[in-house]
């Protein structure tokens, strides 16, 4: 897998690895990547409800970023709560879009 990651990086492909056993940390350090320690004691925090910022090298529109964020959050809710019904997904989507539009 590490060789596949190196090949992807050589081709300019961004790679994200979930590494619960810290076995990829030396590789991350070698290639100059970023490593986020996720634990209850970690200084870093991830907020899945943060809207992603636009990428400088990609053409993107605020509506596209909002749509992608909402779709990702609904997927997360399905994982956390169990499979949501279409009706529940619709309610979640409306609530998220309304909340983000107030921001």
PDB file of N, CA and C in Angstrom:
ATOM      1  N   UNK A   1       0.812  -1.183   0.000  1.00  0.00           N
ATOM      2  CA  UNK A   1       0.000   0.000   0.000  1.00  0.00           C
ATOM      3  C   UNK A   1       0.868   1.264   0.000  1.00  0.00           C
ATOM      4  N   UNK A   2       1.980   1.226   0.705  1.00  0.00           N
ATOM      5  CA  UNK A   2       2.849   2.402   0.761  1.00  0.00           C
ATOM      6  C   UNK A   2       3.425   2.729  -0.611  1.00  0.00           C
ATOM      7  N   UNK A   3       3.737   1.698  -1.377  1.00  0.00           N
ATOM      8  CA  UNK A   3       4.236   1.920  -2.727  1.00  0.00           C
ATOM      9  C   UNK A   3       3.159   2.566  -3.598  1.00  0.00           C
ATOM     10  N   UNK A   4       1.923   2.130  -3.444  1.00  0.00           N
ATOM     11  CA  UNK A   4       0.805   2.727  -4.188  1.00  0.00           C
ATOM     12  C   UNK A   4       0.659   4.204  -3.835  1.00  0.00           C
ATOM     13  N   UNK A   5       0.816   4.518  -2.568  1.00  0.00           N
ATOM     14  CA  UNK A   5       0.729   5.912  -2.125  1.00  0.00           C
ATOM     15  C   UNK A   5       1.834   6.738  -2.772  1.00  0.00           C
ATOM     16  N   UNK A   6       3.058   6.212  -2.774  1.00  0.00           N
ATOM     17  CA  UNK A   6       4.170   6.934  -3.396  1.00  0.00           C
ATOM     18  C   UNK A   6       3.927   7.149  -4.883  1.00  0.00           C
ATOM     19  N   UNK A   7       3.404   6.153  -5.561  1.00  0.00           N
ATOM     20  CA  UNK A   7       3.097   6.294  -6.993  1.00  0.00           C
ATOM     21  C   UNK A   7       2.051   7.381  -7.212  1.00  0.00           C
ATOM     22  N   UNK A   8       1.013   7.369  -6.390  1.00  0.00           N
ATOM     23  CA  UNK A   8      -0.038   8.378  -6.521  1.00  0.00           C
ATOM     24  C   UNK A   8       0.533   9.778  -6.302  1.00  0.00           C
ATOM     25  N   UNK A   9       1.370   9.932  -5.298  1.00  0.00           N
ATOM     26  CA  UNK A   9       1.973  11.235  -5.022  1.00  0.00           C
ATOM     27  C   UNK A   9       2.848  11.699  -6.181  1.00  0.00           C
ATOM     28  N   UNK A  10       3.580  10.771  -6.799  1.00  0.00           N
ATOM     29  CA  UNK A  10       4.420  11.118  -7.944  1.00  0.00           C
ATOM     30  C   UNK A  10       3.583  11.605  -9.117  1.00  0.00           C
ATOM     31  N   UNK A  11       2.348  11.132  -9.204  1.00  0.00           N
ATOM     32  CA  UNK A  11       1.450  11.550 -10.279  1.00  0.00           C
ATOM     33  C   UNK A  11       0.657  12.804  -9.910  1.00  0.00           C
ATOM     34  N   UNK A  12       0.939  13.356  -8.737  1.00  0.00           N
ATOM     35  CA  UNK A  12       0.256  14.576  -8.320  1.00  0.00           C
ATOM     36  C   UNK A  12      -1.110  14.348  -7.699  1.00  0.00           C
ATOM     37  N   UNK A  13      -1.381  13.121  -7.305  1.00  0.00           N
ATOM     38  CA  UNK A  13      -2.669  12.781  -6.705  1.00  0.00           C
ATOM     39  C   UNK A  13      -2.565  12.942  -5.193  1.00  0.00           C
ATOM     40  N   UNK A  14      -3.486  13.706  -4.613  1.00  0.00           N
ATOM     41  CA  UNK A  14      -3.514  13.847  -3.156  1.00  0.00           C
ATOM     42  C   UNK A  14      -3.959  12.538  -2.526  1.00  0.00           C
ATOM     43  N   UNK A  15      -3.382  12.215  -1.379  1.00  0.00           N
ATOM     44  CA  UNK A  15      -3.682  10.957  -0.695  1.00  0.00           C
ATOM     45  C   UNK A  15      -4.066  11.255   0.747  1.00  0.00           C
ATOM     46  N   UNK A  16      -5.116  10.616   1.202  1.00  0.00           N
ATOM     47  CA  UNK A  16      -5.521  10.688   2.603  1.00  0.00           C
ATOM     48  C   UNK A  16      -5.530   9.266   3.135  1.00  0.00           C
ATOM     49  N   UNK A  17      -4.857   9.062   4.262  1.00  0.00           N
ATOM     50  CA  UNK A  17      -4.774   7.736   4.870  1.00  0.00           C
ATOM     51  C   UNK A  17      -5.302   7.822   6.294  1.00  0.00           C
ATOM     52  N   UNK A  18      -6.175   6.919   6.648  1.00  0.00           N
ATOM     53  CA  UNK A  18      -6.601   6.788   8.037  1.00  0.00           C
ATOM     54  C   UNK A  18      -5.707   5.720   8.646  1.00  0.00           C
ATOM     55  N   UNK A  19      -4.950   6.122   9.654  1.00  0.00           N
ATOM     56  CA  UNK A  19      -3.857   5.300  10.171  1.00  0.00           C
ATOM     57  C   UNK A  19      -3.980   5.105  11.681  1.00  0.00           C
ATOM     58  N   UNK A  20      -4.842   4.192  12.123  1.00  0.00           N
ATOM     59  CA  UNK A  20      -5.045   4.028  13.567  1.00  0.00           C
ATOM     60  C   UNK A  20      -3.830   3.466  14.305  1.00  0.00           C
ATOM     61  N   UNK A  21      -2.889   2.873  13.594  1.00  0.00           N
ATOM     62  CA  UNK A  21      -1.732   2.263  14.258  1.00  0.00           C
ATOM     63  C   UNK A  21      -0.439   3.045  14.046  1.00  0.00           C
ATOM     64  N   UNK A  22      -0.524   4.240  13.487  1.00  0.00           N
ATOM     65  CA  UNK A  22       0.639   5.117  13.263  1.00  0.00           C
ATOM     66  C   UNK A  22       1.722   4.489  12.393  1.00  0.00           C
ATOM     67  N   UNK A  23       1.381   3.547  11.535  1.00  0.00           N
ATOM     68  CA  UNK A  23       2.409   2.909  10.714  1.00  0.00           C
ATOM     69  C   UNK A  23       2.783   3.739   9.483  1.00  0.00           C
ATOM     70  N   UNK A  24       1.990   4.759   9.136  1.00  0.00           N
ATOM     71  CA  UNK A  24       2.292   5.581   7.967  1.00  0.00           C
ATOM     72  C   UNK A  24       2.977   6.894   8.341  1.00  0.00           C
ATOM     73  N   UNK A  25       3.160   7.165   9.609  1.00  0.00           N
ATOM     74  CA  UNK A  25       3.770   8.423  10.064  1.00  0.00           C
ATOM     75  C   UNK A  25       5.160   8.636   9.463  1.00  0.00           C
ATOM     76  N   UNK A  26       6.055   7.641   9.445  1.00  0.00           N
ATOM     77  CA  UNK A  26       7.372   7.863   8.821  1.00  0.00           C
ATOM     78  C   UNK A  26       7.266   8.222   7.333  1.00  0.00           C
ATOM     79  N   UNK A  27       6.338   7.603   6.617  1.00  0.00           N
ATOM     80  CA  UNK A  27       6.153   7.915   5.202  1.00  0.00           C
ATOM     81  C   UNK A  27       5.666   9.354   5.041  1.00  0.00           C
ATOM     82  N   UNK A  28       4.720   9.744   5.875  1.00  0.00           N
ATOM     83  CA  UNK A  28       4.200  11.116   5.833  1.00  0.00           C
ATOM     84  C   UNK A  28       5.332  12.113   6.065  1.00  0.00           C
ATOM     85  N   UNK A  29       6.166  11.842   7.045  1.00  0.00           N
ATOM     86  CA  UNK A  29       7.296  12.726   7.339  1.00  0.00           C
ATOM     87  C   UNK A  29       8.273  12.780   6.170  1.00  0.00           C
ATOM     88  N   UNK A  30       8.535  11.643   5.546  1.00  0.00           N
ATOM     89  CA  UNK A  30       9.487  11.571   4.436  1.00  0.00           C
ATOM     90  C   UNK A  30       9.027  12.395   3.240  1.00  0.00           C
ATOM     91  N   UNK A  31       7.736  12.339   2.925  1.00  0.00           N
ATOM     92  CA  UNK A  31       7.232  13.054   1.744  1.00  0.00           C
ATOM     93  C   UNK A  31       6.764  14.468   2.081  1.00  0.00           C
ATOM     94  N   UNK A  32       6.907  14.871   3.346  1.00  0.00           N
ATOM     95  CA  UNK A  32       6.530  16.230   3.730  1.00  0.00           C
ATOM     96  C   UNK A  32       5.034  16.443   3.827  1.00  0.00           C
ATOM     97  N   UNK A  33       4.323  15.393   4.154  1.00  0.00           N
ATOM     98  CA  UNK A  33       2.872  15.500   4.274  1.00  0.00           C
ATOM     99  C   UNK A  33       2.438  15.985   5.636  1.00  0.00           C
ATOM    100  N   UNK A  34       1.156  16.132   5.789  1.00  0.00           N
ATOM    101  CA  UNK A  34       0.590  16.542   7.069  1.00  0.00           C
ATOM    102  C   UNK A  34       0.007  15.348   7.792  1.00  0.00           C
ATOM    103  N   UNK A  35       0.174  15.327   9.091  1.00  0.00           N
ATOM    104  CA  UNK A  35      -0.320  14.212   9.899  1.00  0.00           C
ATOM    105  C   UNK A  35      -1.184  14.795  11.003  1.00  0.00           C
ATOM    106  N   UNK A  36      -2.412  14.367  11.080  1.00  0.00           N
ATOM    107  CA  UNK A  36      -3.335  14.853  12.101  1.00  0.00           C
ATOM    108  C   UNK A  36      -3.597  13.728  13.082  1.00  0.00           C
ATOM    109  N   UNK A  37      -3.231  13.956  14.317  1.00  0.00           N
ATOM    110  CA  UNK A  37      -3.485  12.978  15.373  1.00  0.00           C
ATOM    111  C   UNK A  37      -4.912  13.189  15.871  1.00  0.00           C
ATOM    112  N   UNK A  38      -5.743  12.182  15.719  1.00  0.00           N
ATOM    113  CA  UNK A  38      -7.132  12.290  16.154  1.00  0.00           C
ATOM    114  C   UNK A  38      -7.315  11.400  17.373  1.00  0.00           C
ATOM    115  N   UNK A  39      -7.486  12.033  18.512  1.00  0.00           N
ATOM    116  CA  UNK A  39      -7.754  11.307  19.746  1.00  0.00           C
ATOM    117  C   UNK A  39      -8.390  12.280  20.723  1.00  0.00           C
ATOM    118  N   UNK A  40      -8.868  11.766  21.826  1.00  0.00           N
ATOM    119  CA  UNK A  40      -9.479  12.638  22.825  1.00  0.00           C
ATOM    120  C   UNK A  40      -8.469  13.602  23.425  1.00  0.00           C
ATOM    121  N   UNK A  41      -7.194  13.225  23.417  1.00  0.00           N
ATOM    122  CA  UNK A  41      -6.145  14.060  24.000  1.00  0.00           C
ATOM    123  C   UNK A  41      -5.438  14.942  22.978  1.00  0.00           C
ATOM    124  N   UNK A  42      -5.803  14.832  21.713  1.00  0.00           N
ATOM    125  CA  UNK A  42      -5.106  15.569  20.660  1.00  0.00           C
ATOM    126  C   UNK A  42      -5.436  17.055  20.708  1.00  0.00           C
ATOM    127  N   UNK A  43      -4.490  17.848  20.279  1.00  0.00           N
ATOM    128  CA  UNK A  43      -4.684  19.290  20.181  1.00  0.00           C
ATOM    129  C   UNK A  43      -5.569  19.644  18.987  1.00  0.00           C
ATOM    130  N   UNK A  44      -5.438  18.886  17.906  1.00  0.00           N
ATOM    131  CA  UNK A  44      -6.192  19.147  16.689  1.00  0.00           C
ATOM    132  C   UNK A  44      -7.622  18.643  16.830  1.00  0.00           C
ATOM    133  N   UNK A  45      -8.515  19.316  16.160  1.00  0.00           N
ATOM    134  CA  UNK A  45      -9.918  18.903  16.145  1.00  0.00           C
ATOM    135  C   UNK A  45     -10.420  18.956  14.707  1.00  0.00           C
ATOM    136  N   UNK A  46     -11.273  18.027  14.354  1.00  0.00           N
ATOM    137  CA  UNK A  46     -11.935  18.048  13.060  1.00  0.00           C
ATOM    138  C   UNK A  46     -13.405  18.357  13.291  1.00  0.00           C
ATOM    139  N   UNK A  47     -13.928  19.306  12.552  1.00  0.00           N
ATOM    140  CA  UNK A  47     -15.337  19.649  12.649  1.00  0.00           C
ATOM    141  C   UNK A  47     -15.992  19.302  11.318  1.00  0.00           C
ATOM    142  N   UNK A  48     -16.738  18.211  11.255  1.00  0.00           N
ATOM    143  CA  UNK A  48     -17.347  17.823   9.983  1.00  0.00           C
ATOM    144  C   UNK A  48     -18.380  18.829   9.498  1.00  0.00           C
ATOM    145  N   UNK A  49     -18.801  19.750  10.364  1.00  0.00           N
ATOM    146  CA  UNK A  49     -19.804  20.736   9.972  1.00  0.00           C
ATOM    147  C   UNK A  49     -19.190  22.009   9.393  1.00  0.00           C
ATOM    148  N   UNK A  50     -17.860  22.129   9.411  1.00  0.00           N
ATOM    149  CA  UNK A  50     -17.216  23.275   8.765  1.00  0.00           C
ATOM    150  C   UNK A  50     -17.405  23.171   7.260  1.00  0.00           C
ATOM    151  N   UNK A  51     -17.729  24.296   6.631  1.00  0.00           N
ATOM    152  CA  UNK A  51     -17.807  24.312   5.176  1.00  0.00           C
ATOM    153  C   UNK A  51     -16.395  24.360   4.611  1.00  0.00           C
ATOM    154  N   UNK A  52     -16.112  23.572   3.581  1.00  0.00           N
ATOM    155  CA  UNK A  52     -14.772  23.611   2.994  1.00  0.00           C
ATOM    156  C   UNK A  52     -14.543  24.935   2.277  1.00  0.00           C
ATOM    157  N   UNK A  53     -13.315  25.414   2.327  1.00  0.00           N
ATOM    158  CA  UNK A  53     -12.951  26.626   1.599  1.00  0.00           C
ATOM    159  C   UNK A  53     -12.685  26.246   0.149  1.00  0.00           C
ATOM    160  N   UNK A  54     -12.883  27.187  -0.751  1.00  0.00           N
ATOM    161  CA  UNK A  54     -12.611  26.932  -2.156  1.00  0.00           C
ATOM    162  C   UNK A  54     -11.132  26.687  -2.388  1.00  0.00           C
ATOM    163  N   UNK A  55     -10.825  25.801  -3.292  1.00  0.00           N
ATOM    164  CA  UNK A  55      -9.430  25.516  -3.624  1.00  0.00           C
ATOM    165  C   UNK A  55      -8.968  26.485  -4.705  1.00  0.00           C
ATOM    166  N   UNK A  56      -7.776  27.033  -4.552  1.00  0.00           N
ATOM    167  CA  UNK A  56      -7.274  28.047  -5.474  1.00  0.00           C
ATOM    168  C   UNK A  56      -7.134  27.516  -6.896  1.00  0.00           C
ATOM    169  N   UNK A  57      -6.741  26.262  -7.023  1.00  0.00           N
ATOM    170  CA  UNK A  57      -6.469  25.724  -8.355  1.00  0.00           C
ATOM    171  C   UNK A  57      -7.683  25.054  -8.991  1.00  0.00           C
ATOM    172  N   UNK A  58      -8.826  25.135  -8.348  1.00  0.00           N
ATOM    173  CA  UNK A  58     -10.030  24.531  -8.913  1.00  0.00           C
ATOM    174  C   UNK A  58     -11.124  25.575  -9.014  1.00  0.00           C
ATOM    175  N   UNK A  59     -11.839  25.532 -10.112  1.00  0.00           N
ATOM    176  CA  UNK A  59     -12.978  26.423 -10.254  1.00  0.00           C
ATOM    177  C   UNK A  59     -14.117  25.833  -9.433  1.00  0.00           C
ATOM    178  N   UNK A  60     -14.599  26.598  -8.485  1.00  0.00           N
ATOM    179  CA  UNK A  60     -15.700  26.089  -7.684  1.00  0.00           C
ATOM    180  C   UNK A  60     -16.607  27.242  -7.314  1.00  0.00           C
ATOM    181  N   UNK A  61     -17.833  26.919  -7.072  1.00  0.00           N
ATOM    182  CA  UNK A  61     -18.844  27.902  -6.737  1.00  0.00           C
ATOM    183  C   UNK A  61     -19.377  27.594  -5.351  1.00  0.00           C
ATOM    184  N   UNK A  62     -19.769  28.628  -4.594  1.00  0.00           N
ATOM    185  CA  UNK A  62     -20.256  28.387  -3.228  1.00  0.00           C
ATOM    186  C   UNK A  62     -21.375  27.353  -3.158  1.00  0.00           C
ATOM    187  N   UNK A  63     -22.281  27.362  -4.114  1.00  0.00           N
ATOM    188  CA  UNK A  63     -23.375  26.387  -4.119  1.00  0.00           C
ATOM    189  C   UNK A  63     -22.877  24.961  -4.262  1.00  0.00           C
ATOM    190  N   UNK A  64     -21.813  24.787  -5.065  1.00  0.00           N
ATOM    191  CA  UNK A  64     -21.231  23.453  -5.235  1.00  0.00           C
ATOM    192  C   UNK A  64     -20.609  22.966  -3.932  1.00  0.00           C
ATOM    193  N   UNK A  65     -19.884  23.858  -3.256  1.00  0.00           N
ATOM    194  CA  UNK A  65     -19.258  23.482  -1.988  1.00  0.00           C
ATOM    195  C   UNK A  65     -20.316  23.149  -0.948  1.00  0.00           C
ATOM    196  N   UNK A  66     -21.388  23.937  -0.934  1.00  0.00           N
ATOM    197  CA  UNK A  66     -22.471  23.675   0.011  1.00  0.00           C
ATOM    198  C   UNK A  66     -23.105  22.319  -0.276  1.00  0.00           C
ATOM    199  N   UNK A  67     -23.389  22.041  -1.532  1.00  0.00           N
ATOM    200  CA  UNK A  67     -24.015  20.770  -1.913  1.00  0.00           C
ATOM    201  C   UNK A  67     -23.114  19.600  -1.520  1.00  0.00           C
ATOM    202  N   UNK A  68     -21.817  19.697  -1.801  1.00  0.00           N
ATOM    203  CA  UNK A  68     -20.882  18.623  -1.439  1.00  0.00           C
ATOM    204  C   UNK A  68     -20.820  18.429   0.072  1.00  0.00           C
ATOM    205  N   UNK A  69     -20.816  19.538   0.815  1.00  0.00           N
ATOM    206  CA  UNK A  69     -20.765  19.444   2.276  1.00  0.00           C
ATOM    207  C   UNK A  69     -22.019  18.775   2.819  1.00  0.00           C
ATOM    208  N   UNK A  70     -23.177  19.150   2.292  1.00  0.00           N
ATOM    209  CA  UNK A  70     -24.440  18.576   2.765  1.00  0.00           C
ATOM    210  C   UNK A  70     -24.504  17.087   2.442  1.00  0.00           C
ATOM    211  N   UNK A  71     -24.110  16.709   1.243  1.00  0.00           N
ATOM    212  CA  UNK A  71     -24.116  15.289   0.864  1.00  0.00           C
ATOM    213  C   UNK A  71     -23.180  14.501   1.779  1.00  0.00           C
ATOM    214  N   UNK A  72     -22.000  15.045   2.054  1.00  0.00           N
ATOM    215  CA  UNK A  72     -21.063  14.373   2.953  1.00  0.00           C
ATOM    216  C   UNK A  72     -21.604  14.247   4.366  1.00  0.00           C
ATOM    217  N   UNK A  73     -22.258  15.299   4.848  1.00  0.00           N
ATOM    218  CA  UNK A  73     -22.819  15.255   6.199  1.00  0.00           C
ATOM    219  C   UNK A  73     -23.978  14.273   6.303  1.00  0.00           C
ATOM    220  N   UNK A  74     -24.779  14.191   5.267  1.00  0.00           N
ATOM    221  CA  UNK A  74     -25.876  13.212   5.287  1.00  0.00           C
ATOM    222  C   UNK A  74     -25.296  11.800   5.315  1.00  0.00           C
ATOM    223  N   UNK A  75     -24.219  11.576   4.579  1.00  0.00           N
ATOM    224  CA  UNK A  75     -23.540  10.278   4.651  1.00  0.00           C
ATOM    225  C   UNK A  75     -23.024   9.990   6.048  1.00  0.00           C
ATOM    226  N   UNK A  76     -22.456  11.010   6.694  1.00  0.00           N
ATOM    227  CA  UNK A  76     -21.974  10.851   8.064  1.00  0.00           C
ATOM    228  C   UNK A  76     -23.134  10.542   9.011  1.00  0.00           C
ATOM    229  N   UNK A  77     -24.244  11.243   8.837  1.00  0.00           N
ATOM    230  CA  UNK A  77     -25.421  10.986   9.683  1.00  0.00           C
ATOM    231  C   UNK A  77     -25.928   9.553   9.492  1.00  0.00           C
ATOM    232  N   UNK A  78     -25.892   9.072   8.255  1.00  0.00           N
ATOM    233  CA  UNK A  78     -26.294   7.686   7.998  1.00  0.00           C
ATOM    234  C   UNK A  78     -25.387   6.707   8.737  1.00  0.00           C
ATOM    235  N   UNK A  79     -24.101   7.026   8.807  1.00  0.00           N
ATOM    236  CA  UNK A  79     -23.174   6.162   9.543  1.00  0.00           C
ATOM    237  C   UNK A  79     -23.421   6.221  11.044  1.00  0.00           C
ATOM    238  N   UNK A  80     -23.640   7.423  11.552  1.00  0.00           N
ATOM    239  CA  UNK A  80     -23.800   7.596  12.993  1.00  0.00           C
ATOM    240  C   UNK A  80     -25.153   7.121  13.506  1.00  0.00           C
ATOM    241  N   UNK A  81     -26.203   7.384  12.744  1.00  0.00           N
ATOM    242  CA  UNK A  81     -27.562   7.099  13.202  1.00  0.00           C
ATOM    243  C   UNK A  81     -28.136   5.806  12.645  1.00  0.00           C
ATOM    244  N   UNK A  82     -27.451   5.191  11.729  1.00  0.00           N
ATOM    245  CA  UNK A  82     -28.039   4.085  10.985  1.00  0.00           C
ATOM    246  C   UNK A  82     -28.685   4.675   9.745  1.00  0.00           C
ATOM    247  N   UNK A  83     -29.061   3.858   8.824  1.00  0.00           N
ATOM    248  CA  UNK A  83     -29.601   4.338   7.553  1.00  0.00           C
ATOM    249  C   UNK A  83     -30.837   5.196   7.776  1.00  0.00           C
ATOM    250  N   UNK A  84     -30.765   6.444   7.324  1.00  0.00           N
ATOM    251  CA  UNK A  84     -31.903   7.359   7.420  1.00  0.00           C
ATOM    252  C   UNK A  84     -32.882   7.063   6.287  1.00  0.00           C
ATOM    253  N   UNK A  85     -34.140   7.322   6.557  1.00  0.00           N
ATOM    254  CA  UNK A  85     -35.153   7.182   5.511  1.00  0.00           C
ATOM    255  C   UNK A  85     -35.027   8.371   4.561  1.00  0.00           C
ATOM    256  N   UNK A  86     -35.569   8.266   3.355  1.00  0.00           N
ATOM    257  CA  UNK A  86     -35.548   9.419   2.442  1.00  0.00           C
ATOM    258  C   UNK A  86     -36.187  10.666   3.067  1.00  0.00           C
ATOM    259  N   UNK A  87     -37.235  10.469   3.836  1.00  0.00           N
ATOM    260  CA  UNK A  87     -37.891  11.595   4.503  1.00  0.00           C
ATOM    261  C   UNK A  87     -36.948  12.249   5.517  1.00  0.00           C
ATOM    262  N   UNK A  88     -36.250  11.436   6.291  1.00  0.00           N
ATOM    263  CA  UNK A  88     -35.294  11.964   7.271  1.00  0.00           C
ATOM    264  C   UNK A  88     -34.136  12.679   6.576  1.00  0.00           C
ATOM    265  N   UNK A  89     -33.659  12.106   5.471  1.00  0.00           N
ATOM    266  CA  UNK A  89     -32.583  12.749   4.719  1.00  0.00           C
ATOM    267  C   UNK A  89     -33.026  14.105   4.191  1.00  0.00           C
ATOM    268  N   UNK A  90     -34.263  14.183   3.737  1.00  0.00           N
ATOM    269  CA  UNK A  90     -34.801  15.445   3.235  1.00  0.00           C
ATOM    270  C   UNK A  90     -34.857  16.496   4.340  1.00  0.00           C
ATOM    271  N   UNK A  91     -35.290  16.088   5.518  1.00  0.00           N
ATOM    272  CA  UNK A  91     -35.347  17.007   6.665  1.00  0.00           C
ATOM    273  C   UNK A  91     -33.943  17.471   7.038  1.00  0.00           C
ATOM    274  N   UNK A  92     -32.998  16.528   7.096  1.00  0.00           N
ATOM    275  CA  UNK A  92     -31.611  16.887   7.408  1.00  0.00           C
ATOM    276  C   UNK A  92     -31.048  17.863   6.375  1.00  0.00           C
ATOM    277  N   UNK A  93     -31.306  17.585   5.108  1.00  0.00           N
ATOM    278  CA  UNK A  93     -30.791  18.442   4.038  1.00  0.00           C
ATOM    279  C   UNK A  93     -31.342  19.859   4.162  1.00  0.00           C
ATOM    280  N   UNK A  94     -32.649  19.980   4.358  1.00  0.00           N
ATOM    281  CA  UNK A  94     -33.246  21.316   4.501  1.00  0.00           C
ATOM    282  C   UNK A  94     -32.680  22.050   5.715  1.00  0.00           C
ATOM    283  N   UNK A  95     -32.523  21.327   6.825  1.00  0.00           N
ATOM    284  CA  UNK A  95     -31.994  21.951   8.045  1.00  0.00           C
ATOM    285  C   UNK A  95     -30.561  22.437   7.831  1.00  0.00           C
ATOM    286  N   UNK A  96     -29.742  21.628   7.159  1.00  0.00           N
ATOM    287  CA  UNK A  96     -28.349  22.015   6.931  1.00  0.00           C
ATOM    288  C   UNK A  96     -28.249  23.201   5.983  1.00  0.00           C
ATOM    289  N   UNK A  97     -29.001  23.160   4.889  1.00  0.00           N
ATOM    290  CA  UNK A  97     -28.962  24.262   3.923  1.00  0.00           C
ATOM    291  C   UNK A  97     -29.441  25.549   4.584  1.00  0.00           C
ATOM    292  N   UNK A  98     -30.508  25.462   5.365  1.00  0.00           N
ATOM    293  CA  UNK A  98     -31.016  26.646   6.073  1.00  0.00           C
ATOM    294  C   UNK A  98     -29.981  27.181   7.049  1.00  0.00           C
ATOM    295  N   UNK A  99     -29.370  26.293   7.804  1.00  0.00           N
ATOM    296  CA  UNK A  99     -28.367  26.710   8.789  1.00  0.00           C
ATOM    297  C   UNK A  99     -27.169  27.361   8.116  1.00  0.00           C
ATOM    298  N   UNK A 100     -26.646  26.748   7.052  1.00  0.00           N
ATOM    299  CA  UNK A 100     -25.482  27.309   6.375  1.00  0.00           C
ATOM    300  C   UNK A 100     -25.816  28.622   5.677  1.00  0.00           C
ATOM    301  N   UNK A 101     -27.046  28.788   5.213  1.00  0.00           N
ATOM    302  CA  UNK A 101     -27.410  30.035   4.532  1.00  0.00           C
ATOM    303  C   UNK A 101     -27.465  31.208   5.510  1.00  0.00           C
ATOM    304  N   UNK A 102     -27.626  30.934   6.793  1.00  0.00           N
ATOM    305  CA  UNK A 102     -27.633  31.985   7.814  1.00  0.00           C
ATOM    306  C   UNK A 102     -26.229  32.452   8.161  1.00  0.00           C
ATOM    307  N   UNK A 103     -25.248  31.660   7.795  1.00  0.00           N
ATOM    308  CA  UNK A 103     -23.854  31.937   8.153  1.00  0.00           C
ATOM    309  C   UNK A 103     -23.292  33.085   7.361  1.00  0.00           C
TER     310      UNK A 103
END
